[in-house]
Amino acid sequence: MATSASARSIGPVIAVLSICSLLLWAGADAAPARVQKAPRISQREQLLQRLNAVAEKLDRSSPEVKQAHLNAQREFGRKYRDRKASPEGLTAPDAPPTVNWTAITNFISAYVTCRSLPGLAVAVVKDGQMVYANGFGYAQYASPAQNTPVTTKSVFGIGSTSKAFTTMLLGMMADRRQLDWNGKVSNYIPGFALLDPVASQLATVTDVLAHRTGLPRHDFALFSTNATRQELVQLARYLQPSTSFRNKWQYNNWMVTVAGYIAQLVQGASWESLVQSQIFDRLGMSHSYPNFTAAQQDPALAMPLNWNGTSWEQISRDSDILFDTVAPAGAINSNVEDMAKWMLLQLNQTQNMGNVQLVAPATLAYMHTPHMVIDPAPTLGKEMNELLLGDSYGLTWQVGNYRGTRRVFHDG
């Protein structure tokens, strides 16, 4: 989802199915001296026990009983396959419920109005293709009669969703054996150091991407300097840690910028050119840009907005340019059609995109694997802490569950 507010984001929510097992407690057997619980058995084991009991009974039955049982099985299977979706019956495997996209569009439109959102774009992907895309609200505000509506071509800053592109670059390097996930940062950046000597010596590529170096955000220092990217990497040695190394998950834009700088040094090219040539171009993301300066060329670029207390007002893009130095952590601009392609890549469903595969399946899985538990933090607020309860952090991806379904996601 992307909005044209000052906190613009396109946050691809990537749902990956997981297999959940349900454990059942067996009943307790009474004994004269005490009550003893039977050992816990799984639902699968319980079902197998029942099937074995039926099989043993059938083995002792006459041929006529066996044939009647087989006929009953076949009749049940025929009725199940033929039964269509209805309030009373099951949904046949070949008749999935249809999605009412009109109702979804109306719901989102009403939500935008209800929450006074300036604008957003939505895309849904399934089975290797984008099955829905739409824009709501306005991307540029001039006057009520001249406002530019959001379309699927509207370009937004995707904020911290940019971090996953940095991780993808490093994953491609890992597959080419140019980099090791557990390689020390100091091996790739000569002279790299942090204030904590333990973190300086041991911090790995995985550590900086999983936000577990012991550093808090330090965003004020990050965004209030005119330092170059190389200078920011060197300045990291003066940042005060707030906890010990690998003790706690603490979101940190500075360290992801360090990760982007690793890609630059190892490949001998700017992070911007690497993202453009190795990711955007290969996925056909023709309206995506590695930073705000590059995005200025697109007339569909949404304008930054500020809420004045009663309405949205358009403001200058000058402040956006400040993010270019830390582009590996949050300066990519894109539209919802391009981000749908990015989602398909994350879901490993690129069959309609020429089966493009940027990294090996195991490398993609490593990015989506939990590496650090997300602890509740007072600074996040009650609502955000409840949302993240039980979630973990992969490599620039948040990993959790929604009603039993695994989800891999990130906001901007």
Protein backbone atom coordinates (compact mmCIF):
# COMPACT_ATOMS: atom_id res chain seq x y z
CA MET A 1 0.00 0.00 0.00
CA ALA A 2 1.32 3.47 -0.75
CA THR A 3 0.15 6.84 0.42
CA SER A 4 1.03 10.29 -0.79
CA ALA A 5 1.41 11.69 2.73
CA SER A 6 4.69 12.73 4.24
CA ALA A 7 4.92 9.17 5.59
CA ARG A 8 4.42 7.61 2.18
CA SER A 9 4.91 3.89 1.86
CA ILE A 10 4.24 0.93 -0.32
CA GLY A 11 4.21 -1.95 2.02
CA PRO A 12 3.95 -5.27 0.22
CA VAL A 13 2.27 -7.70 2.47
CA ILE A 14 3.55 -11.11 1.45
CA ALA A 15 1.64 -14.05 2.80
CA VAL A 16 3.37 -17.43 2.66
CA LEU A 17 1.33 -20.45 3.74
CA SER A 18 2.66 -22.40 6.69
CA ILE A 19 1.71 -25.82 7.98
CA CYS A 20 0.31 -25.78 11.48
CA SER A 21 -0.16 -28.90 13.58
CA LEU A 22 -2.85 -29.28 16.23
CA LEU A 23 -2.00 -31.32 19.28
CA LEU A 24 -4.76 -33.04 21.23
CA TRP A 25 -4.69 -34.17 24.83
CA ALA A 26 -5.75 -37.72 25.42
CA GLY A 27 -8.16 -38.45 28.24
CA ALA A 28 -6.96 -39.36 31.70
CA ASP A 29 -7.18 -42.87 33.14
CA ALA A 30 -8.30 -43.17 36.71
CA ALA A 31 -6.21 -45.21 39.12
CA PRO A 32 -6.98 -46.14 42.75
CA ALA A 33 -4.11 -44.10 44.17
CA ARG A 34 -3.84 -41.28 41.69
CA VAL A 35 -5.09 -39.86 38.39
CA GLN A 36 -2.54 -40.25 35.62
CA LYS A 37 -2.74 -38.46 32.28
CA ALA A 38 -2.19 -40.47 29.16
CA PRO A 39 0.73 -39.35 26.96
CA ARG A 40 -0.08 -36.60 24.48
CA ILE A 41 -0.64 -37.87 20.93
CA SER A 42 -0.99 -35.86 17.77
CA GLN A 43 -4.14 -35.59 15.71
CA ARG A 44 -2.39 -37.46 12.91
CA GLU A 45 -1.47 -40.36 15.23
CA GLN A 46 -5.02 -40.47 16.57
CA LEU A 47 -6.42 -40.66 13.02
CA LEU A 48 -3.97 -43.40 12.07
CA GLN A 49 -5.03 -45.45 15.09
CA ARG A 50 -8.68 -45.22 14.03
CA LEU A 51 -7.87 -46.14 10.41
CA ASN A 52 -5.83 -49.14 11.55
CA ALA A 53 -8.71 -50.29 13.75
CA VAL A 54 -11.11 -50.07 10.79
CA ALA A 55 -8.63 -51.89 8.54
CA GLU A 56 -8.26 -54.74 11.06
CA LYS A 57 -12.03 -55.03 11.34
CA LEU A 58 -12.39 -55.15 7.55
CA ASP A 59 -9.72 -57.84 7.30
CA ARG A 60 -11.94 -60.06 9.45
CA SER A 61 -15.06 -59.22 7.42
CA SER A 62 -16.64 -61.12 4.55
CA PRO A 63 -15.93 -60.10 0.91
CA GLU A 64 -19.46 -58.67 0.70
CA VAL A 65 -18.85 -56.29 3.64
CA LYS A 66 -15.51 -55.19 2.19
CA GLN A 67 -17.11 -54.44 -1.19
CA ALA A 68 -19.95 -52.49 0.45
CA HIS A 69 -17.39 -50.42 2.36
CA LEU A 70 -15.45 -49.69 -0.85
CA ASN A 71 -18.63 -48.65 -2.67
CA ALA A 72 -19.53 -46.28 0.17
CA GLN A 73 -16.08 -44.67 -0.07
CA ARG A 74 -16.46 -44.13 -3.81
CA GLU A 75 -19.93 -42.65 -3.41
CA PHE A 76 -18.71 -40.21 -0.77
CA GLY A 77 -15.84 -39.11 -3.05
CA ARG A 78 -18.23 -38.60 -5.99
CA LYS A 79 -20.62 -36.49 -3.92
CA TYR A 80 -17.76 -34.40 -2.53
CA ARG A 81 -16.36 -33.64 -6.00
CA ASP A 82 -19.76 -32.82 -7.44
CA ARG A 83 -20.92 -30.62 -4.59
CA LYS A 84 -20.70 -26.88 -5.40
CA ALA A 85 -20.26 -24.00 -3.02
CA SER A 86 -23.44 -23.33 -1.10
CA PRO A 87 -24.43 -22.12 2.38
CA GLU A 88 -25.25 -25.71 3.32
CA GLY A 89 -22.44 -27.60 1.63
CA LEU A 90 -18.72 -27.81 1.20
CA THR A 91 -16.77 -25.93 -1.44
CA ALA A 92 -15.50 -28.29 -4.09
CA PRO A 93 -11.72 -28.12 -4.68
CA ASP A 94 -12.25 -26.97 -8.28
CA ALA A 95 -14.70 -24.23 -7.33
CA PRO A 96 -12.88 -21.69 -5.12
CA PRO A 97 -14.95 -18.82 -3.81
CA THR A 98 -14.97 -15.83 -6.11
CA VAL A 99 -13.65 -12.47 -4.92
CA ASN A 100 -15.97 -9.49 -5.11
CA TRP A 101 -13.45 -6.88 -6.24
CA THR A 102 -16.14 -4.22 -6.50
CA ALA A 103 -16.96 -4.63 -2.83
CA ILE A 104 -13.26 -4.44 -1.96
CA THR A 105 -12.86 -1.29 -4.05
CA ASN A 106 -15.86 0.30 -2.32
CA PHE A 107 -14.50 -0.64 1.10
CA ILE A 108 -11.06 0.88 0.44
CA SER A 109 -12.62 4.02 -1.04
CA ALA A 110 -14.82 4.44 2.04
CA TYR A 111 -11.82 3.88 4.31
CA VAL A 112 -9.80 6.57 2.51
CA THR A 113 -12.65 9.02 3.01
CA CYS A 114 -13.27 8.00 6.62
CA ARG A 115 -9.62 8.40 7.65
CA SER A 116 -9.00 11.52 5.51
CA LEU A 117 -6.15 9.80 3.70
CA PRO A 118 -4.69 11.81 0.81
CA GLY A 119 -4.22 8.85 -1.51
CA LEU A 120 -3.01 5.30 -1.84
CA ALA A 121 -2.53 2.48 -4.32
CA VAL A 122 -3.28 -1.20 -3.80
CA ALA A 123 -2.22 -4.34 -5.66
CA VAL A 124 -3.02 -8.01 -5.10
CA VAL A 125 -1.03 -10.86 -6.62
CA LYS A 126 -1.97 -14.52 -6.87
CA ASP A 127 -0.73 -17.53 -8.81
CA GLY A 128 1.99 -15.65 -10.62
CA GLN A 129 0.08 -12.58 -11.70
CA MET A 130 -1.39 -9.32 -10.50
CA VAL A 131 -5.12 -9.93 -10.10
CA TYR A 132 -6.13 -6.50 -8.81
CA ALA A 133 -4.69 -2.97 -8.84
CA ASN A 134 -6.33 0.36 -8.16
CA GLY A 135 -5.64 3.89 -7.01
CA PHE A 136 -7.59 5.97 -4.51
CA GLY A 137 -7.49 9.63 -3.55
CA TYR A 138 -5.01 12.11 -5.01
CA ALA A 139 -1.30 12.02 -5.74
CA GLN A 140 -0.90 15.75 -6.26
CA TYR A 141 -2.89 18.55 -4.63
CA ALA A 142 -3.31 21.87 -6.41
CA SER A 143 -6.95 22.80 -5.98
CA PRO A 144 -10.12 20.69 -5.67
CA ALA A 145 -10.68 21.09 -9.41
CA GLN A 146 -7.07 20.35 -10.40
CA ASN A 147 -6.00 17.58 -8.04
CA THR A 148 -4.29 14.62 -9.76
CA PRO A 149 -5.94 11.29 -8.88
CA VAL A 150 -3.83 8.34 -7.79
CA THR A 151 -3.56 5.65 -10.48
CA THR A 152 -1.60 2.42 -10.64
CA LYS A 153 1.12 4.46 -12.42
CA SER A 154 1.50 6.96 -9.56
CA VAL A 155 5.00 6.89 -8.08
CA PHE A 156 5.51 7.04 -4.31
CA GLY A 157 8.47 6.88 -1.99
CA ILE A 158 8.34 3.39 -0.52
CA GLY A 159 10.29 4.29 2.60
CA SER A 160 11.80 1.45 4.61
CA THR A 161 10.50 -1.15 2.21
CA SER A 162 13.65 -0.12 0.33
CA LYS A 163 15.72 -2.10 2.84
CA ALA A 164 14.70 -5.43 1.30
CA PHE A 165 16.25 -4.36 -2.00
CA THR A 166 19.57 -3.89 -0.22
CA THR A 167 19.20 -7.36 1.26
CA MET A 168 18.40 -8.77 -2.18
CA LEU A 169 21.61 -7.27 -3.58
CA LEU A 170 23.61 -8.89 -0.79
CA GLY A 171 21.78 -12.17 -1.33
CA MET A 172 22.79 -12.16 -4.99
CA MET A 173 26.36 -11.51 -3.91
CA ALA A 174 26.14 -14.40 -1.42
CA ASP A 175 24.99 -16.73 -4.21
CA ARG A 176 28.00 -15.62 -6.28
CA ARG A 177 30.21 -16.21 -3.22
CA GLN A 178 31.22 -12.56 -3.13
CA LEU A 179 29.87 -12.32 0.39
CA ASP A 180 29.03 -14.49 3.40
CA TRP A 181 25.97 -13.76 5.52
CA ASN A 182 28.11 -14.50 8.58
CA GLY A 183 31.09 -12.58 7.28
CA LYS A 184 32.29 -9.77 9.52
CA VAL A 185 31.47 -6.23 8.42
CA SER A 186 35.07 -5.22 9.13
CA ASN A 187 36.21 -7.73 6.51
CA TYR A 188 34.27 -5.86 3.82
CA ILE A 189 34.73 -2.28 5.04
CA PRO A 190 38.34 -1.50 6.02
CA GLY A 191 38.49 0.43 9.28
CA PHE A 192 34.84 -0.16 10.21
CA ALA A 193 34.26 0.19 13.92
CA LEU A 194 31.53 0.69 16.51
CA LEU A 195 31.81 2.16 19.99
CA ASP A 196 31.23 -1.28 21.53
CA PRO A 197 34.49 -3.21 20.93
CA VAL A 198 32.67 -6.54 20.95
CA ALA A 199 30.27 -5.38 18.23
CA SER A 200 33.17 -3.91 16.27
CA GLN A 201 34.94 -7.23 16.25
CA LEU A 202 32.00 -9.60 15.76
CA ALA A 203 29.24 -7.74 13.83
CA THR A 204 28.29 -9.65 10.70
CA VAL A 205 26.24 -8.86 7.62
CA THR A 206 23.32 -10.69 9.21
CA ASP A 207 23.67 -8.64 12.39
CA VAL A 208 23.33 -5.28 10.64
CA LEU A 209 20.36 -6.46 8.55
CA ALA A 210 18.59 -8.01 11.56
CA HIS A 211 19.00 -4.84 13.71
CA ARG A 212 20.87 -6.54 16.54
CA THR A 213 24.10 -4.55 16.88
CA GLY A 214 23.04 -2.90 20.15
CA LEU A 215 22.48 0.50 18.53
CA PRO A 216 19.17 2.39 18.82
CA ARG A 217 17.87 4.45 15.90
CA HIS A 218 20.02 7.61 16.16
CA ASP A 219 17.86 9.02 13.33
CA PHE A 220 18.28 12.65 14.36
CA ALA A 221 22.04 12.37 13.87
CA LEU A 222 21.54 10.44 10.66
CA PHE A 223 19.24 12.93 8.95
CA SER A 224 20.70 16.17 10.32
CA THR A 225 24.09 15.92 8.66
CA ASN A 226 25.42 16.63 5.18
CA ALA A 227 27.87 13.72 5.44
CA THR A 228 28.36 11.45 2.45
CA ARG A 229 27.47 7.77 2.64
CA GLN A 230 31.12 6.85 3.17
CA GLU A 231 31.41 9.41 5.95
CA LEU A 232 28.25 8.08 7.63
CA VAL A 233 29.79 4.61 7.71
CA GLN A 234 32.90 5.98 9.40
CA LEU A 235 30.85 8.10 11.85
CA ALA A 236 29.09 4.95 13.12
CA ARG A 237 32.01 4.43 15.52
CA TYR A 238 30.79 7.36 17.64
CA LEU A 239 27.19 6.16 18.10
CA GLN A 240 26.29 5.23 21.66
CA PRO A 241 24.78 1.73 22.04
CA SER A 242 21.78 1.32 24.32
CA THR A 243 22.15 -2.40 24.94
CA SER A 244 24.74 -5.11 24.49
CA PHE A 245 25.56 -6.73 21.17
CA ARG A 246 22.89 -9.22 19.95
CA ASN A 247 20.89 -8.69 23.14
CA LYS A 248 17.86 -6.96 21.66
CA TRP A 249 16.17 -6.04 18.38
CA GLN A 250 16.48 -2.28 17.79
CA TYR A 251 15.50 -0.81 14.44
CA ASN A 252 18.40 1.10 12.90
CA ASN A 253 18.54 2.85 9.52
CA TRP A 254 22.24 3.61 9.94
CA MET A 255 23.31 -0.05 9.88
CA VAL A 256 21.29 -0.85 6.74
CA THR A 257 23.07 2.07 5.09
CA VAL A 258 26.30 0.32 6.12
CA ALA A 259 25.01 -2.85 4.43
CA GLY A 260 24.37 -0.91 1.22
CA TYR A 261 27.89 0.45 1.39
CA ILE A 262 29.23 -3.11 1.57
CA ALA A 263 27.57 -3.82 -1.78
CA GLN A 264 29.23 -0.72 -3.24
CA LEU A 265 32.73 -1.67 -2.08
CA VAL A 266 32.56 -5.34 -3.04
CA GLN A 267 31.10 -4.72 -6.51
CA GLY A 268 32.87 -1.48 -7.25
CA ALA A 269 29.74 0.44 -8.25
CA SER A 270 27.24 2.71 -6.55
CA TRP A 271 24.36 1.14 -4.67
CA GLU A 272 21.98 3.07 -6.95
CA SER A 273 23.42 1.61 -10.16
CA LEU A 274 23.45 -1.90 -8.69
CA VAL A 275 19.77 -1.75 -7.71
CA GLN A 276 18.86 -0.36 -11.12
CA SER A 277 20.77 -2.89 -13.23
CA GLN A 278 20.51 -6.02 -11.08
CA ILE A 279 16.95 -5.70 -9.75
CA PHE A 280 14.77 -3.07 -11.46
CA ASP A 281 15.90 -3.86 -15.01
CA ARG A 282 15.74 -7.63 -14.58
CA LEU A 283 12.24 -7.55 -13.07
CA GLY A 284 10.91 -5.03 -15.59
CA MET A 285 10.32 -2.42 -12.89
CA SER A 286 10.43 0.43 -15.41
CA HIS A 287 8.91 3.07 -13.14
CA SER A 288 11.10 2.49 -10.09
CA TYR A 289 13.94 4.73 -9.00
CA PRO A 290 16.77 4.17 -6.50
CA ASN A 291 16.41 7.58 -4.87
CA PHE A 292 14.32 10.75 -4.80
CA THR A 293 16.61 12.66 -7.16
CA ALA A 294 16.14 10.05 -9.89
CA ALA A 295 12.37 9.95 -9.29
CA GLN A 296 12.01 13.67 -10.09
CA GLN A 297 12.00 12.82 -13.81
CA ASP A 298 8.69 10.93 -13.56
CA PRO A 299 5.63 13.20 -14.00
CA ALA A 300 3.56 10.66 -12.07
CA LEU A 301 5.61 11.24 -8.90
CA ALA A 302 3.32 11.99 -5.97
CA MET A 303 3.95 15.22 -4.10
CA PRO A 304 4.80 15.18 -0.38
CA LEU A 305 2.01 16.51 1.80
CA ASN A 306 1.56 17.94 5.24
CA TRP A 307 -1.57 17.78 7.39
CA ASN A 308 -2.30 21.33 8.61
CA GLY A 309 -4.95 20.24 11.07
CA THR A 310 -7.91 20.48 8.71
CA SER A 311 -6.66 19.41 5.27
CA TRP A 312 -3.67 18.22 3.29
CA GLU A 313 -1.33 20.80 1.79
CA GLN A 314 1.39 20.23 -0.76
CA ILE A 315 4.96 20.95 0.36
CA SER A 316 8.38 21.10 -1.29
CA ARG A 317 10.27 17.99 -2.33
CA ASP A 318 13.51 19.48 -1.02
CA SER A 319 13.30 17.53 2.25
CA ASP A 320 12.97 14.26 0.34
CA ILE A 321 16.39 14.73 -1.26
CA LEU A 322 17.96 14.46 2.20
CA PHE A 323 17.07 10.76 2.20
CA ASP A 324 19.24 10.03 -0.85
CA THR A 325 22.39 9.58 1.24
CA VAL A 326 20.71 6.77 3.18
CA ALA A 327 18.97 5.37 0.09
CA PRO A 328 19.85 1.73 0.99
CA ALA A 329 17.63 2.17 4.06
CA GLY A 330 14.71 4.08 2.56
CA ALA A 331 14.79 6.22 -0.59
CA ILE A 332 13.45 4.01 -3.39
CA ASN A 333 10.44 5.34 -5.33
CA SER A 334 8.09 3.05 -7.24
CA ASN A 335 4.51 2.46 -8.32
CA VAL A 336 2.13 -0.29 -7.34
CA GLU A 337 2.45 -2.18 -10.65
CA ASP A 338 6.20 -2.48 -10.21
CA MET A 339 5.84 -3.43 -6.56
CA ALA A 340 3.48 -6.24 -7.59
CA LYS A 341 6.41 -7.71 -9.56
CA TRP A 342 8.55 -7.39 -6.45
CA MET A 343 5.91 -9.28 -4.46
CA LEU A 344 5.81 -12.08 -7.03
CA LEU A 345 9.57 -12.43 -6.75
CA GLN A 346 9.32 -12.71 -2.96
CA LEU A 347 6.61 -15.36 -3.36
CA ASN A 348 8.72 -17.21 -5.94
CA GLN A 349 5.87 -16.89 -8.45
CA THR A 350 7.60 -15.37 -11.47
CA GLN A 351 6.35 -17.89 -14.05
CA ASN A 352 4.65 -15.07 -15.98
CA MET A 353 7.77 -12.88 -15.79
CA GLY A 354 10.07 -15.22 -17.67
CA ASN A 355 10.76 -17.24 -14.51
CA VAL A 356 13.31 -14.65 -13.45
CA GLN A 357 15.03 -15.72 -10.25
CA LEU A 358 17.46 -13.30 -8.66
CA VAL A 359 18.56 -15.59 -5.82
CA ALA A 360 18.43 -19.26 -4.96
CA PRO A 361 15.31 -20.44 -3.06
CA ALA A 362 17.43 -21.17 0.01
CA THR A 363 18.80 -17.62 -0.03
CA LEU A 364 15.29 -16.17 -0.29
CA ALA A 365 14.19 -18.39 2.59
CA TYR A 366 17.10 -17.14 4.70
CA MET A 367 15.90 -13.55 4.23
CA HIS A 368 12.41 -14.56 5.41
CA THR A 369 13.70 -16.60 8.37
CA PRO A 370 13.35 -15.07 11.86
CA HIS A 371 16.73 -13.90 13.18
CA MET A 372 15.66 -11.75 16.14
CA VAL A 373 12.51 -11.55 18.27
CA ILE A 374 10.84 -8.13 18.21
CA ASP A 375 10.50 -7.01 21.81
CA PRO A 376 7.74 -4.58 22.87
CA ALA A 377 9.09 -1.04 23.09
CA PRO A 378 7.44 1.97 24.81
CA THR A 379 8.44 4.20 21.90
CA LEU A 380 6.34 2.13 19.49
CA GLY A 381 3.08 2.76 21.34
CA LYS A 382 0.42 0.31 22.50
CA GLU A 383 -1.24 -0.20 19.10
CA MET A 384 2.01 -1.01 17.29
CA ASN A 385 3.22 -3.30 20.07
CA GLU A 386 -0.03 -5.27 19.92
CA LEU A 387 0.31 -5.55 16.15
CA LEU A 388 3.87 -6.88 16.41
CA LEU A 389 3.22 -9.16 19.39
CA GLY A 390 4.92 -12.47 18.71
CA ASP A 391 6.63 -11.24 15.54
CA SER A 392 10.27 -11.68 14.68
CA TYR A 393 12.61 -9.95 12.27
CA GLY A 394 14.30 -11.63 9.35
CA LEU A 395 16.74 -9.79 7.11
CA THR A 396 14.90 -6.47 6.63
CA TRP A 397 11.58 -8.36 6.68
CA GLN A 398 9.18 -8.74 9.59
CA VAL A 399 7.94 -12.28 10.06
CA GLY A 400 4.80 -13.26 11.94
CA ASN A 401 1.39 -14.90 11.75
CA TYR A 402 -2.08 -13.63 11.02
CA ARG A 403 -4.85 -15.98 12.12
CA GLY A 404 -2.60 -18.97 11.66
CA THR A 405 -1.22 -17.92 8.27
CA ARG A 406 2.41 -16.97 8.03
CA ARG A 407 3.07 -13.45 6.80
CA VAL A 408 6.30 -11.78 5.68
CA PHE A 409 5.94 -8.02 5.49
CA HIS A 410 7.39 -4.59 6.11
CA ASP A 411 6.00 -1.08 6.31
CA GLY A 412 7.56 2.09 4.95
